[in-house]
Amino acid sequence: MRYGRLVLLSLGLVLLVLKPDIIQAQRGAYVAPRDIAALSKQADVIVRGHVVNARVERHPQFQSLMTVVVTLKSEKVLKGKPGAVYTFRQYIWDVRDRYDAAGYRKGQELLLLMLRVNENGLTSPAGMQQGRFRIERQKDGSAHALNGTGNVRLFRGVAEQATQSKVKLSTKAAKTLSMHKQGAVELGELEEIISGFAGGQ
């Protein structure tokens, strides 16, 4: 009985502390699919860079909440003003994420579409894993991006939105919007599309 009350108390604290769009469970929660236009508009900061450090620690104000603190060396900014070194604190919902820092690793190159930090200093990628892209670079110099859902439905209906919003895109990027269904996408094209919907910078 005492354990049950503790669980309920902890859950209640989570709901009070976190806004609905900040709550995330990298492995457990269901999030409705969002396209790249919606993710780009929702994000407060969009930045690409390498992870310098990622550590799991308790929230400084709410000790029952586990978080991961990630520091990223900014190399390209598409929206917002993250600074040369961008650090954010993300809530950990799924206990498994405590053991691998929610998948953030030193040296990893990421493109992040981050929500606005809430009043408790917490944020997360827009659409959870949908707004977090792992960058893979090939020997020929090419680079591709893949989010946590395999880029599934990432561009669904976005070509029509681009036309309606008068977002100007290169022929190559426009073709990607029309043809791509899932899987990695060329980094330059993705950043061009994101910039178009995010307002550019």
C-alpha atoms as a PDB file:
ATOM      1  CA  MET A   1       0.000   0.000   0.000  1.00  0.00           C
ATOM      2  CA  ARG A   2       2.786   2.385   0.912  1.00  0.00           C
ATOM      3  CA  TYR A   3       4.598   1.609  -2.358  1.00  0.00           C
ATOM      4  CA  GLY A   4       1.415   2.268  -4.338  1.00  0.00           C
ATOM      5  CA  ARG A   5       0.978   5.663  -2.715  1.00  0.00           C
ATOM      6  CA  LEU A   6       4.588   6.524  -3.472  1.00  0.00           C
ATOM      7  CA  VAL A   7       4.103   5.653  -7.134  1.00  0.00           C
ATOM      8  CA  LEU A   8       0.936   7.759  -7.351  1.00  0.00           C
ATOM      9  CA  LEU A   9       2.649  10.656  -5.612  1.00  0.00           C
ATOM     10  CA  SER A  10       5.589  10.503  -8.007  1.00  0.00           C
ATOM     11  CA  LEU A  11       3.281  10.358 -11.021  1.00  0.00           C
ATOM     12  CA  GLY A  12       1.295  13.300  -9.738  1.00  0.00           C
ATOM     13  CA  LEU A  13       4.481  15.299  -9.271  1.00  0.00           C
ATOM     14  CA  VAL A  14       5.518  14.517 -12.843  1.00  0.00           C
ATOM     15  CA  LEU A  15       2.198  15.749 -14.218  1.00  0.00           C
ATOM     16  CA  LEU A  16       2.405  18.946 -12.179  1.00  0.00           C
ATOM     17  CA  VAL A  17       6.001  19.683 -13.091  1.00  0.00           C
ATOM     18  CA  LEU A  18       5.941  18.865 -16.776  1.00  0.00           C
ATOM     19  CA  LYS A  19       3.881  20.294 -19.573  1.00  0.00           C
ATOM     20  CA  PRO A  20       2.172  17.661 -21.763  1.00  0.00           C
ATOM     21  CA  ASP A  21       4.406  18.338 -24.752  1.00  0.00           C
ATOM     22  CA  ILE A  22       7.558  17.957 -22.638  1.00  0.00           C
ATOM     23  CA  ILE A  23       6.699  14.547 -21.188  1.00  0.00           C
ATOM     24  CA  GLN A  24       8.583  11.925 -23.103  1.00  0.00           C
ATOM     25  CA  ALA A  25       9.331   8.234 -22.946  1.00  0.00           C
ATOM     26  CA  GLN A  26      11.889   7.515 -25.590  1.00  0.00           C
ATOM     27  CA  ARG A  27      10.995   3.833 -25.617  1.00  0.00           C
ATOM     28  CA  GLY A  28       7.545   3.691 -24.117  1.00  0.00           C
ATOM     29  CA  ALA A  29       5.148   6.496 -24.982  1.00  0.00           C
ATOM     30  CA  TYR A  30       2.980   6.785 -28.055  1.00  0.00           C
ATOM     31  CA  VAL A  31       3.287  10.041 -29.953  1.00  0.00           C
ATOM     32  CA  ALA A  32       1.148  10.897 -32.952  1.00  0.00           C
ATOM     33  CA  PRO A  33       3.184  11.066 -36.178  1.00  0.00           C
ATOM     34  CA  ARG A  34       4.209  14.610 -37.125  1.00  0.00           C
ATOM     35  CA  ASP A  35       5.600  15.793 -40.417  1.00  0.00           C
ATOM     36  CA  ILE A  36       8.741  17.860 -40.813  1.00  0.00           C
ATOM     37  CA  ALA A  37       6.768  21.069 -41.380  1.00  0.00           C
ATOM     38  CA  ALA A  38       4.970  20.707 -38.030  1.00  0.00           C
ATOM     39  CA  LEU A  39       8.162  19.729 -36.212  1.00  0.00           C
ATOM     40  CA  SER A  40      10.078  22.684 -37.676  1.00  0.00           C
ATOM     41  CA  LYS A  41       7.385  25.177 -36.708  1.00  0.00           C
ATOM     42  CA  GLN A  42       6.967  23.753 -33.215  1.00  0.00           C
ATOM     43  CA  ALA A  43      10.683  23.763 -32.401  1.00  0.00           C
ATOM     44  CA  ASP A  44      12.145  26.706 -30.527  1.00  0.00           C
ATOM     45  CA  VAL A  45      15.753  25.740 -31.306  1.00  0.00           C
ATOM     46  CA  ILE A  46      17.015  23.749 -34.276  1.00  0.00           C
ATOM     47  CA  VAL A  47      20.700  22.935 -34.130  1.00  0.00           C
ATOM     48  CA  ARG A  48      23.190  20.444 -35.526  1.00  0.00           C
ATOM     49  CA  GLY A  49      26.380  19.464 -33.740  1.00  0.00           C
ATOM     50  CA  HIS A  50      28.340  16.861 -31.827  1.00  0.00           C
ATOM     51  CA  VAL A  51      27.524  15.625 -28.332  1.00  0.00           C
ATOM     52  CA  VAL A  52      30.254  16.691 -25.930  1.00  0.00           C
ATOM     53  CA  ASN A  53      28.737  15.111 -22.845  1.00  0.00           C
ATOM     54  CA  ALA A  54      25.581  13.323 -21.694  1.00  0.00           C
ATOM     55  CA  ARG A  55      24.950  12.425 -18.072  1.00  0.00           C
ATOM     56  CA  VAL A  56      21.972  11.123 -16.125  1.00  0.00           C
ATOM     57  CA  GLU A  57      21.152  12.954 -12.909  1.00  0.00           C
ATOM     58  CA  ARG A  58      18.236  13.889 -10.684  1.00  0.00           C
ATOM     59  CA  HIS A  59      16.383  17.109 -11.313  1.00  0.00           C
ATOM     60  CA  PRO A  60      17.915  19.772  -9.035  1.00  0.00           C
ATOM     61  CA  GLN A  61      14.506  20.852  -7.698  1.00  0.00           C
ATOM     62  CA  PHE A  62      12.507  17.629  -7.937  1.00  0.00           C
ATOM     63  CA  GLN A  63      14.707  14.821  -6.696  1.00  0.00           C
ATOM     64  CA  SER A  64      12.256  12.074  -7.659  1.00  0.00           C
ATOM     65  CA  LEU A  65      12.633  12.993 -11.345  1.00  0.00           C
ATOM     66  CA  MET A  66      15.488  11.556 -13.373  1.00  0.00           C
ATOM     67  CA  THR A  67      16.871  13.604 -16.237  1.00  0.00           C
ATOM     68  CA  VAL A  68      19.623  13.511 -18.823  1.00  0.00           C
ATOM     69  CA  VAL A  69      21.750  16.627 -19.277  1.00  0.00           C
ATOM     70  CA  VAL A  70      23.187  16.886 -22.774  1.00  0.00           C
ATOM     71  CA  THR A  71      25.861  19.296 -23.980  1.00  0.00           C
ATOM     72  CA  LEU A  72      26.191  19.801 -27.707  1.00  0.00           C
ATOM     73  CA  LYS A  73      28.857  21.713 -29.616  1.00  0.00           C
ATOM     74  CA  SER A  74      26.802  23.741 -32.101  1.00  0.00           C
ATOM     75  CA  GLU A  75      28.015  23.566 -35.684  1.00  0.00           C
ATOM     76  CA  LYS A  76      24.972  24.799 -37.575  1.00  0.00           C
ATOM     77  CA  VAL A  77      21.912  26.678 -36.323  1.00  0.00           C
ATOM     78  CA  LEU A  78      18.670  26.622 -38.291  1.00  0.00           C
ATOM     79  CA  LYS A  79      16.457  28.305 -35.701  1.00  0.00           C
ATOM     80  CA  GLY A  80      16.850  30.074 -32.371  1.00  0.00           C
ATOM     81  CA  LYS A  81      20.009  31.085 -30.543  1.00  0.00           C
ATOM     82  CA  PRO A  82      21.495  28.032 -28.834  1.00  0.00           C
ATOM     83  CA  GLY A  83      25.004  29.492 -28.621  1.00  0.00           C
ATOM     84  CA  ALA A  84      28.301  27.825 -29.480  1.00  0.00           C
ATOM     85  CA  VAL A  85      27.713  25.276 -26.728  1.00  0.00           C
ATOM     86  CA  TYR A  86      24.114  24.186 -26.246  1.00  0.00           C
ATOM     87  CA  THR A  87      23.126  22.407 -23.037  1.00  0.00           C
ATOM     88  CA  PHE A  88      19.664  21.101 -22.244  1.00  0.00           C
ATOM     89  CA  ARG A  89      17.971  18.940 -19.609  1.00  0.00           C
ATOM     90  CA  GLN A  90      15.537  16.257 -20.746  1.00  0.00           C
ATOM     91  CA  TYR A  91      13.169  14.276 -18.530  1.00  0.00           C
ATOM     92  CA  ILE A  92      13.615  10.493 -18.476  1.00  0.00           C
ATOM     93  CA  TRP A  93      10.338   8.613 -18.284  1.00  0.00           C
ATOM     94  CA  ASP A  94      11.428   5.093 -19.228  1.00  0.00           C
ATOM     95  CA  VAL A  95      13.750   3.515 -16.650  1.00  0.00           C
ATOM     96  CA  ARG A  96      15.792   1.898 -19.434  1.00  0.00           C
ATOM     97  CA  ASP A  97      16.881   5.335 -20.625  1.00  0.00           C
ATOM     98  CA  ARG A  98      18.746   5.833 -17.358  1.00  0.00           C
ATOM     99  CA  TYR A  99      21.320   3.262 -18.379  1.00  0.00           C
ATOM    100  CA  ASP A 100      22.241   4.709 -21.776  1.00  0.00           C
ATOM    101  CA  ALA A 101      21.568   8.442 -21.224  1.00  0.00           C
ATOM    102  CA  ALA A 102      18.428   8.142 -23.365  1.00  0.00           C
ATOM    103  CA  GLY A 103      20.577   7.253 -26.360  1.00  0.00           C
ATOM    104  CA  TYR A 104      22.771  10.368 -26.297  1.00  0.00           C
ATOM    105  CA  ARG A 105      26.459   9.484 -26.653  1.00  0.00           C
ATOM    106  CA  LYS A 106      29.675  11.486 -26.641  1.00  0.00           C
ATOM    107  CA  GLY A 107      30.886  12.165 -30.181  1.00  0.00           C
ATOM    108  CA  GLN A 108      27.489  11.506 -31.733  1.00  0.00           C
ATOM    109  CA  GLU A 109      26.454  13.973 -34.444  1.00  0.00           C
ATOM    110  CA  LEU A 110      22.823  15.022 -34.157  1.00  0.00           C
ATOM    111  CA  LEU A 111      20.343  17.394 -35.722  1.00  0.00           C
ATOM    112  CA  LEU A 112      17.898  18.407 -32.966  1.00  0.00           C
ATOM    113  CA  LEU A 113      14.559  20.182 -33.234  1.00  0.00           C
ATOM    114  CA  MET A 114      14.055  21.219 -29.617  1.00  0.00           C
ATOM    115  CA  LEU A 115      10.966  22.506 -27.846  1.00  0.00           C
ATOM    116  CA  ARG A 116      11.004  25.681 -25.759  1.00  0.00           C
ATOM    117  CA  VAL A 117      12.418  25.097 -22.277  1.00  0.00           C
ATOM    118  CA  ASN A 118       9.624  25.033 -19.706  1.00  0.00           C
ATOM    119  CA  GLU A 119       9.539  26.776 -16.324  1.00  0.00           C
ATOM    120  CA  ASN A 120      11.300  23.832 -14.701  1.00  0.00           C
ATOM    121  CA  GLY A 121      14.236  23.900 -17.083  1.00  0.00           C
ATOM    122  CA  LEU A 122      13.128  20.865 -19.104  1.00  0.00           C
ATOM    123  CA  THR A 123      12.869  20.379 -22.835  1.00  0.00           C
ATOM    124  CA  SER A 124      12.888  17.587 -25.411  1.00  0.00           C
ATOM    125  CA  PRO A 125      12.992  17.106 -29.169  1.00  0.00           C
ATOM    126  CA  ALA A 126       9.690  18.036 -30.844  1.00  0.00           C
ATOM    127  CA  GLY A 127       7.711  14.860 -31.368  1.00  0.00           C
ATOM    128  CA  MET A 128      10.173  13.033 -29.102  1.00  0.00           C
ATOM    129  CA  GLN A 129      12.244  10.760 -31.366  1.00  0.00           C
ATOM    130  CA  GLN A 130      10.733  12.358 -34.462  1.00  0.00           C
ATOM    131  CA  GLY A 131      12.666  15.564 -33.844  1.00  0.00           C
ATOM    132  CA  ARG A 132      16.011  13.933 -33.153  1.00  0.00           C
ATOM    133  CA  PHE A 133      18.110  12.978 -36.185  1.00  0.00           C
ATOM    134  CA  ARG A 134      21.288  10.924 -36.109  1.00  0.00           C
ATOM    135  CA  ILE A 135      23.786  12.025 -38.764  1.00  0.00           C
ATOM    136  CA  GLU A 136      25.833   9.423 -40.627  1.00  0.00           C
ATOM    137  CA  ARG A 137      28.731  10.581 -42.811  1.00  0.00           C
ATOM    138  CA  GLN A 138      30.156   8.467 -45.625  1.00  0.00           C
ATOM    139  CA  LYS A 139      33.704   8.263 -46.962  1.00  0.00           C
ATOM    140  CA  ASP A 140      32.645  10.114 -50.118  1.00  0.00           C
ATOM    141  CA  GLY A 141      31.694  13.136 -48.006  1.00  0.00           C
ATOM    142  CA  SER A 142      27.936  12.650 -48.189  1.00  0.00           C
ATOM    143  CA  ALA A 143      25.823  12.836 -45.043  1.00  0.00           C
ATOM    144  CA  HIS A 144      22.407  11.409 -44.272  1.00  0.00           C
ATOM    145  CA  ALA A 145      19.946  11.934 -41.431  1.00  0.00           C
ATOM    146  CA  LEU A 146      17.612   9.446 -39.781  1.00  0.00           C
ATOM    147  CA  ASN A 147      15.265  10.100 -36.872  1.00  0.00           C
ATOM    148  CA  GLY A 148      14.166   7.673 -34.180  1.00  0.00           C
ATOM    149  CA  THR A 149      11.154   6.521 -36.176  1.00  0.00           C
ATOM    150  CA  GLY A 150      13.067   5.840 -39.376  1.00  0.00           C
ATOM    151  CA  ASN A 151      11.766   9.044 -41.002  1.00  0.00           C
ATOM    152  CA  VAL A 152       8.421   7.309 -41.541  1.00  0.00           C
ATOM    153  CA  ARG A 153       5.731   9.829 -42.631  1.00  0.00           C
ATOM    154  CA  LEU A 154       8.217  12.649 -42.192  1.00  0.00           C
ATOM    155  CA  PHE A 155       7.314  14.242 -45.530  1.00  0.00           C
ATOM    156  CA  ARG A 156       3.722  13.080 -45.836  1.00  0.00           C
ATOM    157  CA  GLY A 157       1.642  15.974 -47.207  1.00  0.00           C
ATOM    158  CA  VAL A 158       4.549  18.395 -46.885  1.00  0.00           C
ATOM    159  CA  ALA A 159       4.862  19.059 -50.637  1.00  0.00           C
ATOM    160  CA  GLU A 160       1.333  20.491 -50.609  1.00  0.00           C
ATOM    161  CA  GLN A 161       2.127  22.550 -47.508  1.00  0.00           C
ATOM    162  CA  ALA A 162       5.238  23.931 -49.197  1.00  0.00           C
ATOM    163  CA  THR A 163       3.159  25.066 -52.171  1.00  0.00           C
ATOM    164  CA  GLN A 164       0.482  26.624 -49.980  1.00  0.00           C
ATOM    165  CA  SER A 165       3.033  28.381 -47.768  1.00  0.00           C
ATOM    166  CA  LYS A 166       5.149  29.426 -50.765  1.00  0.00           C
ATOM    167  CA  VAL A 167       8.228  27.739 -49.363  1.00  0.00           C
ATOM    168  CA  LYS A 168      10.905  27.855 -52.039  1.00  0.00           C
ATOM    169  CA  LEU A 169      12.886  24.654 -52.438  1.00  0.00           C
ATOM    170  CA  SER A 170      15.467  23.336 -54.862  1.00  0.00           C
ATOM    171  CA  THR A 171      14.335  20.806 -57.458  1.00  0.00           C
ATOM    172  CA  LYS A 172      16.160  18.059 -55.578  1.00  0.00           C
ATOM    173  CA  ALA A 173      14.554  18.901 -52.214  1.00  0.00           C
ATOM    174  CA  ALA A 174      11.111  19.192 -53.814  1.00  0.00           C
ATOM    175  CA  LYS A 175      11.563  15.735 -55.354  1.00  0.00           C
ATOM    176  CA  THR A 176      12.470  14.316 -51.950  1.00  0.00           C
ATOM    177  CA  LEU A 177       9.242  15.701 -50.504  1.00  0.00           C
ATOM    178  CA  SER A 178       7.245  13.995 -53.226  1.00  0.00           C
ATOM    179  CA  MET A 179       9.055  10.654 -53.404  1.00  0.00           C
ATOM    180  CA  HIS A 180      10.477   9.846 -49.963  1.00  0.00           C
ATOM    181  CA  LYS A 181       8.512   7.388 -47.817  1.00  0.00           C
ATOM    182  CA  GLN A 182      10.948   6.271 -45.132  1.00  0.00           C
ATOM    183  CA  GLY A 183      14.630   5.755 -44.427  1.00  0.00           C
ATOM    184  CA  ALA A 184      17.607   8.109 -44.317  1.00  0.00           C
ATOM    185  CA  VAL A 185      17.502  11.391 -46.225  1.00  0.00           C
ATOM    186  CA  GLU A 186      20.349  13.545 -47.511  1.00  0.00           C
ATOM    187  CA  LEU A 187      21.311  16.004 -44.794  1.00  0.00           C
ATOM    188  CA  GLY A 188      21.537  19.081 -46.999  1.00  0.00           C
ATOM    189  CA  GLU A 189      18.053  18.495 -48.386  1.00  0.00           C
ATOM    190  CA  LEU A 190      16.590  17.953 -44.933  1.00  0.00           C
ATOM    191  CA  GLU A 191      18.154  21.153 -43.598  1.00  0.00           C
ATOM    192  CA  GLU A 192      16.888  23.079 -46.618  1.00  0.00           C
ATOM    193  CA  ILE A 193      13.338  21.842 -46.006  1.00  0.00           C
ATOM    194  CA  ILE A 194      13.547  22.562 -42.287  1.00  0.00           C
ATOM    195  CA  SER A 195      14.843  26.085 -42.883  1.00  0.00           C
ATOM    196  CA  GLY A 196      11.978  26.753 -45.280  1.00  0.00           C
ATOM    197  CA  PHE A 197       9.332  25.939 -42.709  1.00  0.00           C
ATOM    198  CA  ALA A 198      11.214  27.253 -39.683  1.00  0.00           C
ATOM    199  CA  GLY A 199      11.656  30.660 -41.272  1.00  0.00           C
ATOM    200  CA  GLY A 200      15.351  30.225 -42.092  1.00  0.00           C
ATOM    201  CA  GLN A 201      18.184  31.962 -40.316  1.00  0.00           C
END
